Protein backbone atom coordinates (compact mmCIF):
# COMPACT_ATOMS: atom_id res chain seq x y z
CA MET A 1 0.00 0.00 0.00
CA ARG A 2 2.80 2.43 0.86
CA ASN A 3 4.55 1.84 -2.49
CA PHE A 4 1.29 2.43 -4.34
CA LEU A 5 0.79 5.75 -2.52
CA LEU A 6 4.30 6.91 -3.33
CA VAL A 7 3.86 6.07 -7.02
CA PHE A 8 0.49 7.85 -7.08
CA ILE A 9 1.92 10.99 -5.47
CA PHE A 10 4.91 11.07 -7.82
CA PHE A 11 2.64 10.64 -10.85
CA PHE A 12 0.29 13.37 -9.58
CA LEU A 13 3.08 15.87 -9.02
CA SER A 14 4.81 15.14 -12.33
CA GLN A 15 1.64 15.62 -14.38
CA THR A 16 0.38 18.90 -12.95
CA GLY A 17 1.47 22.48 -12.46
CA LEU A 18 2.11 23.66 -8.93
CA LYS A 19 0.68 26.93 -7.66
CA ALA A 20 -1.08 28.45 -4.65
CA GLN A 21 -4.48 27.58 -3.15
CA GLN A 22 -7.64 29.46 -2.16
CA ASP A 23 -7.85 28.19 1.42
CA PRO A 24 -5.51 29.69 4.06
CA TYR A 25 -2.18 28.02 4.76
CA PHE A 26 -0.85 27.05 8.16
CA SER A 27 2.74 25.95 8.73
CA THR A 28 1.98 24.38 12.12
CA TYR A 29 -0.07 21.50 10.66
CA LEU A 30 2.75 19.22 11.88
CA VAL A 31 1.41 19.49 15.42
CA ASN A 32 -2.22 20.29 14.56
CA PRO A 33 -3.15 18.02 11.61
CA SER A 34 -6.92 18.31 12.11
CA LEU A 35 -6.81 21.75 10.47
CA ILE A 36 -5.91 19.89 7.25
CA ASN A 37 -8.40 17.05 7.69
CA SER A 38 -11.02 16.85 10.47
CA SER A 39 -10.83 13.02 10.50
CA LEU A 40 -7.32 13.42 11.95
CA SER A 41 -8.88 14.60 15.22
CA SER A 42 -9.10 10.86 15.97
CA VAL A 43 -5.30 10.79 16.26
CA TYR A 44 -5.39 12.89 19.44
CA GLU A 45 -5.47 10.95 22.70
CA ASN A 46 -7.13 13.79 24.61
CA ASN A 47 -9.75 16.46 24.14
CA ASN A 48 -8.10 19.76 23.32
CA ALA A 49 -8.61 23.39 22.38
CA THR A 50 -6.18 25.05 19.95
CA LEU A 51 -5.49 28.66 18.95
CA VAL A 52 -3.46 29.54 15.85
CA TYR A 53 -2.44 33.00 14.67
CA ARG A 54 -0.60 33.61 11.39
CA ASN A 55 0.87 36.86 10.07
CA GLN A 56 1.57 36.32 6.36
CA TRP A 57 4.37 38.32 4.71
CA SER A 58 4.88 40.57 7.70
CA ASN A 59 4.98 44.32 6.90
CA TYR A 60 3.88 43.70 3.32
CA ASN A 61 2.36 46.82 1.70
CA PRO A 62 0.47 46.09 -1.54
CA THR A 63 0.68 48.69 -4.31
CA ASN A 64 -2.47 47.69 -6.20
CA LEU A 65 -4.97 49.01 -3.64
CA SER A 66 -6.43 52.51 -3.39
CA SER A 67 -5.90 52.60 0.38
CA ALA A 68 -3.28 51.28 2.78
CA SER A 69 -3.66 47.65 3.84
CA GLU A 70 -1.94 45.50 6.44
CA SER A 71 -0.29 42.20 5.58
CA PRO A 72 -2.66 39.18 5.52
CA THR A 73 -3.52 37.70 8.91
CA THR A 74 -5.36 34.50 9.80
CA GLY A 75 -6.71 33.34 13.15
CA MET A 76 -8.09 29.91 13.97
CA PHE A 77 -9.81 28.34 16.98
CA SER A 78 -10.16 24.57 17.01
CA LEU A 79 -12.09 22.47 19.54
CA ASN A 80 -11.59 18.69 19.40
CA LEU A 81 -13.67 16.43 21.65
CA LYS A 82 -14.19 12.67 21.99
CA SER A 83 -16.77 10.30 23.31
CA ARG A 84 -15.85 8.35 26.46
CA ASP A 85 -14.81 5.27 24.47
CA LYS A 86 -12.92 7.50 21.95
CA ALA A 87 -14.76 5.91 19.04
CA TYR A 88 -16.44 9.20 18.09
CA SER A 89 -14.96 12.66 17.59
CA PHE A 90 -16.73 15.97 17.30
CA GLY A 91 -15.84 19.63 17.49
CA MET A 92 -15.37 22.65 15.27
CA ASN A 93 -12.86 24.82 13.44
CA ILE A 94 -13.42 28.59 13.30
CA ILE A 95 -11.24 30.60 10.90
CA SER A 96 -11.01 34.36 10.39
CA ASP A 97 -8.96 35.25 7.31
CA ASN A 98 -8.11 38.91 6.60
CA LEU A 99 -6.69 39.47 3.11
CA GLY A 100 -6.93 43.26 2.95
CA PRO A 101 -9.88 43.99 0.62
CA LYS A 102 -11.30 40.52 1.31
CA GLU A 103 -12.30 39.10 4.69
CA VAL A 104 -13.55 35.54 5.25
CA PHE A 105 -15.16 34.05 8.34
CA ASN A 106 -15.67 30.28 8.29
CA ILE A 107 -17.17 28.04 10.97
CA SER A 108 -16.96 24.28 10.40
CA PRO A 109 -18.37 21.83 12.95
CA TYR A 110 -17.45 18.19 12.33
CA PHE A 111 -18.32 14.65 13.37
CA GLY A 112 -15.96 11.67 13.02
CA ILE A 113 -16.02 7.90 13.58
CA LYS A 114 -12.95 5.75 14.34
CA LYS A 115 -12.81 1.98 13.84
CA LYS A 116 -10.02 -0.47 14.65
CA VAL A 117 -8.77 -2.67 11.80
CA ASN A 118 -6.19 -5.25 12.96
CA ASN A 119 -3.44 -3.14 14.57
CA SER A 120 -4.48 0.08 12.82
CA TYR A 121 -7.40 2.49 12.72
CA ILE A 122 -9.54 4.08 10.04
CA SER A 123 -11.41 7.31 10.60
CA PHE A 124 -14.15 9.08 8.63
CA SER A 125 -15.47 12.61 9.17
CA ILE A 126 -18.06 14.95 7.75
CA SER A 127 -17.79 18.69 8.23
CA PRO A 128 -20.59 21.06 7.21
CA SER A 129 -19.39 24.65 6.99
CA PHE A 130 -20.78 28.16 6.89
CA LYS A 131 -18.63 30.76 5.12
CA SER A 132 -19.21 34.52 5.18
CA THR A 133 -17.14 36.61 2.73
CA THR A 134 -16.82 40.41 2.65
CA LEU A 135 -15.25 42.20 -0.32
CA ASN A 136 -14.40 45.91 -0.13
CA PHE A 137 -14.76 47.09 -3.72
CA GLY A 138 -13.86 50.62 -2.62
CA SER A 139 -10.27 49.59 -1.89
CA LEU A 140 -9.68 48.11 -5.37
CA VAL A 141 -8.08 50.04 -8.22
CA PHE A 142 -10.03 50.02 -11.50
CA VAL A 143 -8.40 51.08 -14.79
CA ASN A 144 -11.82 52.09 -16.08
CA PRO A 145 -13.79 54.13 -13.51
CA ASP A 146 -17.00 53.06 -15.27
CA ASP A 147 -16.29 49.38 -14.72
CA PRO A 148 -19.59 47.77 -13.58
CA PHE A 149 -17.72 46.12 -10.68
CA ASN A 150 -16.62 49.52 -9.35
CA ILE A 151 -19.47 49.87 -6.86
CA LYS A 152 -17.26 51.65 -4.26
CA ARG A 153 -18.66 49.86 -1.22
CA SER A 154 -18.30 46.65 0.79
CA GLU A 155 -20.54 43.69 0.11
CA THR A 156 -21.00 40.58 2.28
CA GLN A 157 -22.35 37.21 1.19
CA SER A 158 -22.71 33.92 3.09
CA LYS A 159 -22.93 30.36 1.78
CA PRO A 160 -23.06 26.84 3.30
CA ASP A 161 -20.75 24.04 2.19
CA VAL A 162 -19.49 20.64 3.31
CA GLY A 163 -16.23 18.67 3.56
CA LEU A 164 -15.30 15.00 3.95
CA GLY A 165 -12.24 13.30 5.43
CA PHE A 166 -10.68 9.83 5.61
CA SER A 167 -7.62 8.66 7.56
CA TYR A 168 -5.74 5.40 8.06
CA PHE A 169 -3.14 5.30 10.83
CA ASN A 170 -1.26 3.25 13.41
CA GLU A 171 1.65 3.94 15.76
CA LYS A 172 4.11 4.45 12.90
CA PHE A 173 2.24 5.22 9.69
CA LEU A 174 -0.47 7.70 8.70
CA VAL A 175 -2.20 8.63 5.44
CA SER A 176 -5.25 10.85 5.00
CA LEU A 177 -7.37 12.30 2.20
CA SER A 178 -9.87 15.13 2.47
CA VAL A 179 -12.03 17.31 0.27
CA LYS A 180 -13.40 20.75 1.19
CA ASN A 181 -15.81 23.07 -0.63
CA LEU A 182 -17.66 20.05 -1.96
CA THR A 183 -20.56 22.09 -3.37
CA GLU A 184 -18.24 24.73 -4.93
CA SER A 185 -20.19 27.72 -3.66
CA SER A 186 -20.05 30.85 -5.82
CA PHE A 187 -19.95 34.39 -4.39
CA ASP A 188 -21.28 37.09 -6.74
CA PHE A 189 -22.08 39.76 -4.10
CA GLY A 190 -25.28 40.57 -5.97
CA ILE A 191 -23.42 41.68 -9.12
CA ASP A 192 -24.30 40.18 -12.50
CA ASP A 193 -21.44 38.41 -14.33
CA LEU A 194 -19.26 38.30 -11.21
CA LYS A 195 -18.24 34.81 -10.09
CA ASN A 196 -15.93 33.97 -7.23
CA ILE A 197 -16.07 30.17 -7.04
CA GLU A 198 -14.72 28.25 -4.06
CA PHE A 199 -13.24 25.30 -5.94
CA ARG A 200 -13.13 21.84 -4.40
CA ASN A 201 -9.90 21.57 -2.45
CA PHE A 202 -8.27 18.14 -2.07
CA SER A 203 -5.55 17.39 0.50
CA PHE A 204 -3.30 14.38 1.01
CA LEU A 205 -1.22 14.10 4.19
CA GLY A 206 1.19 11.25 4.93
CA LYS A 207 3.81 10.66 7.61
CA TYR A 208 6.01 7.90 9.02
CA LEU A 209 7.51 7.60 12.51
CA ILE A 210 11.23 6.76 12.83
CA GLU A 211 12.43 5.85 16.34
CA VAL A 212 16.07 6.91 16.61
CA ASP A 213 16.25 5.89 20.29
CA ARG A 214 13.95 5.91 23.29
CA ASP A 215 14.26 9.71 23.64
CA LEU A 216 14.24 10.84 20.01
CA THR A 217 11.81 10.31 17.14
CA ILE A 218 11.73 11.82 13.64
CA GLU A 219 8.61 12.05 11.48
CA PRO A 220 8.89 12.86 7.75
CA TYR A 221 5.71 14.43 6.30
CA LEU A 222 4.31 14.98 2.83
CA LEU A 223 1.37 17.33 2.31
CA VAL A 224 -0.17 17.72 -1.18
CA ARG A 225 -2.98 20.20 -1.87
CA SER A 226 -4.90 20.72 -5.10
CA ASP A 227 -8.08 22.26 -6.49
CA PHE A 228 -7.23 20.83 -9.94
CA THR A 229 -6.54 24.31 -11.26
CA SER A 230 -3.54 24.89 -9.00
CA HIS A 231 -1.39 22.58 -6.87
CA THR A 232 1.30 22.71 -4.23
CA PHE A 233 3.11 20.43 -1.77
CA ASP A 234 5.09 20.63 1.46
CA VAL A 235 7.92 18.28 2.41
CA SER A 236 8.60 18.38 6.15
CA ALA A 237 10.30 16.65 9.06
CA LEU A 238 9.54 16.92 12.77
CA ALA A 239 11.92 15.75 15.52
CA THR A 240 10.58 15.12 19.04
CA TYR A 241 12.88 14.83 22.07
CA GLN A 242 11.63 13.09 25.24
CA LYS A 243 8.05 13.84 24.17
CA LYS A 244 8.68 17.43 25.30
CA MET A 245 10.49 19.41 22.61
CA ASN A 246 9.75 19.63 18.88
CA ILE A 247 12.03 20.93 16.15
CA GLY A 248 10.86 20.90 12.55
CA ALA A 249 11.61 22.15 9.05
CA SER A 250 9.59 22.33 5.82
CA TYR A 251 9.95 23.26 2.20
CA ARG A 252 6.80 24.58 0.49
CA TYR A 253 7.13 24.25 -3.26
CA ASP A 254 7.64 27.54 -5.12
CA GLU A 255 7.09 29.49 -1.92
CA ALA A 256 9.18 29.25 1.25
CA ILE A 257 11.31 27.34 3.70
CA VAL A 258 9.91 26.96 7.21
CA GLY A 259 11.44 26.44 10.65
CA PHE A 260 9.42 25.27 13.66
CA LEU A 261 9.98 25.08 17.44
CA GLY A 262 7.57 23.73 20.04
CA TYR A 263 7.57 22.77 23.71
CA HIS A 264 5.15 21.00 26.09
CA PHE A 265 4.49 22.48 29.52
CA LEU A 266 2.62 21.48 32.69
CA LYS A 267 1.90 18.04 34.10
CA LYS A 268 1.26 15.34 31.49
CA ASN A 269 2.28 17.84 28.76
CA LYS A 270 -1.15 19.46 28.85
CA LEU A 271 0.00 22.79 27.40
CA PHE A 272 1.81 23.03 24.08
CA VAL A 273 3.24 26.22 22.55
CA GLY A 274 4.77 26.31 19.09
CA TYR A 275 6.17 28.90 16.70
CA SER A 276 6.96 28.72 12.98
CA PHE A 277 9.02 31.07 10.86
CA ASP A 278 8.52 31.16 7.08
CA TYR A 279 11.14 32.65 4.78
CA VAL A 280 10.10 33.31 1.19
CA VAL A 281 12.58 31.98 -1.39
CA HIS A 282 10.47 32.32 -4.57
CA ASN A 283 8.88 35.43 -6.11
CA VAL A 284 10.51 37.54 -3.42
CA ASN A 285 9.83 40.82 -5.23
CA ALA A 286 6.07 40.30 -5.01
CA LYS A 287 5.99 39.55 -1.27
CA ALA A 288 7.54 40.45 2.05
CA PRO A 289 10.10 37.77 2.95
CA VAL A 290 8.92 36.67 6.42
CA SER A 291 5.78 35.10 7.90
CA HIS A 292 5.15 34.23 11.56
CA GLU A 293 2.79 31.69 13.09
CA LEU A 294 1.98 30.89 16.71
CA VAL A 295 0.05 27.85 17.97
CA VAL A 296 -1.17 27.18 21.54
CA ARG A 297 -2.91 23.91 22.41
CA TYR A 298 -4.33 22.87 25.77
CA ASP A 299 -5.52 19.35 26.61
CA LEU A 300 -8.95 19.31 28.23
CA PRO A 301 -10.14 16.69 30.75
CA THR A 302 -11.31 13.49 29.09
CA PRO A 303 -14.40 11.85 30.63
CA GLN A 304 -13.59 8.42 31.97
CA LEU A 305 -15.79 5.36 31.74
CA LYS A 306 -16.99 4.48 35.22
CA LYS A 307 -15.90 1.07 36.39
CA PRO A 308 -18.72 -1.13 37.71
CA ILE A 309 -18.89 -1.33 41.49
CA ARG A 310 -19.40 -4.91 42.62
CA THR A 311 -20.80 -5.85 46.03
CA PRO A 312 -20.62 -9.27 47.76
CA ARG A 313 -24.27 -9.79 46.91
CA PHE A 314 -23.46 -9.90 43.17
CA ILE A 315 -20.10 -11.67 43.18
CA TYR A 316 -21.51 -14.86 41.65
């Protein structure tokens, strides 16, 4: 199965162009994979709440807008919960994406099921979503002032959508596939002939655990994303020392190299704090060179199954 997946990925990458995606990027997916695929919430042992903040191309000042704009910023809150027997997962991802003239708010609850197959697990998830998009036409520069899209005001439109996820994993090996924007919602903001389609977005994530010794593990990752009009991939590695400290590095095709540091705090490693640093190595003239991302995750109490209390009357 692993050889087949590697051949498929190689064939996919060799046959298609590689560009950027519509959905926001996060470099800390190494320690928070459910933001890529909600079925991966089954990988977590505990309930948890996660906050992620990303400042893309810090201090970037675009020149194609009529008014000043800050560099893109994205915030995410993720809540991941489990049933007492850990067979079911549920929660939500809330994303606020500020792209200057365009702002997107997306809330995506999800529900997942995990089943054991031999020594591994499979997990399925469904994630309905509600996306609200605001476009400030007044901040855009039009060559022709009489352009019918030059309405000089902000417009907001909201649409529902749905995503699906599948994962297969064990202690050493993980593969997952997901699709978002399944209905391909279109945002026209009430303007004839304007179409802003949210294309279906497919993601593949794979990793393998290498045990160097009892204190050190290394996990290579491959993340491939595509909407079949544009494609990209990340090749990454994450080292974990004594289950406390994480050091990672990534290369995002035609974009940037990424460094990552993380550390677990408190008893039973309940609090995790991580930071990633992106450095742009392609198309530098069109972007600011540096992006920053911070992730904070806290493990919540997990309800325990109550053990039956036996009395002498019911021993036999």
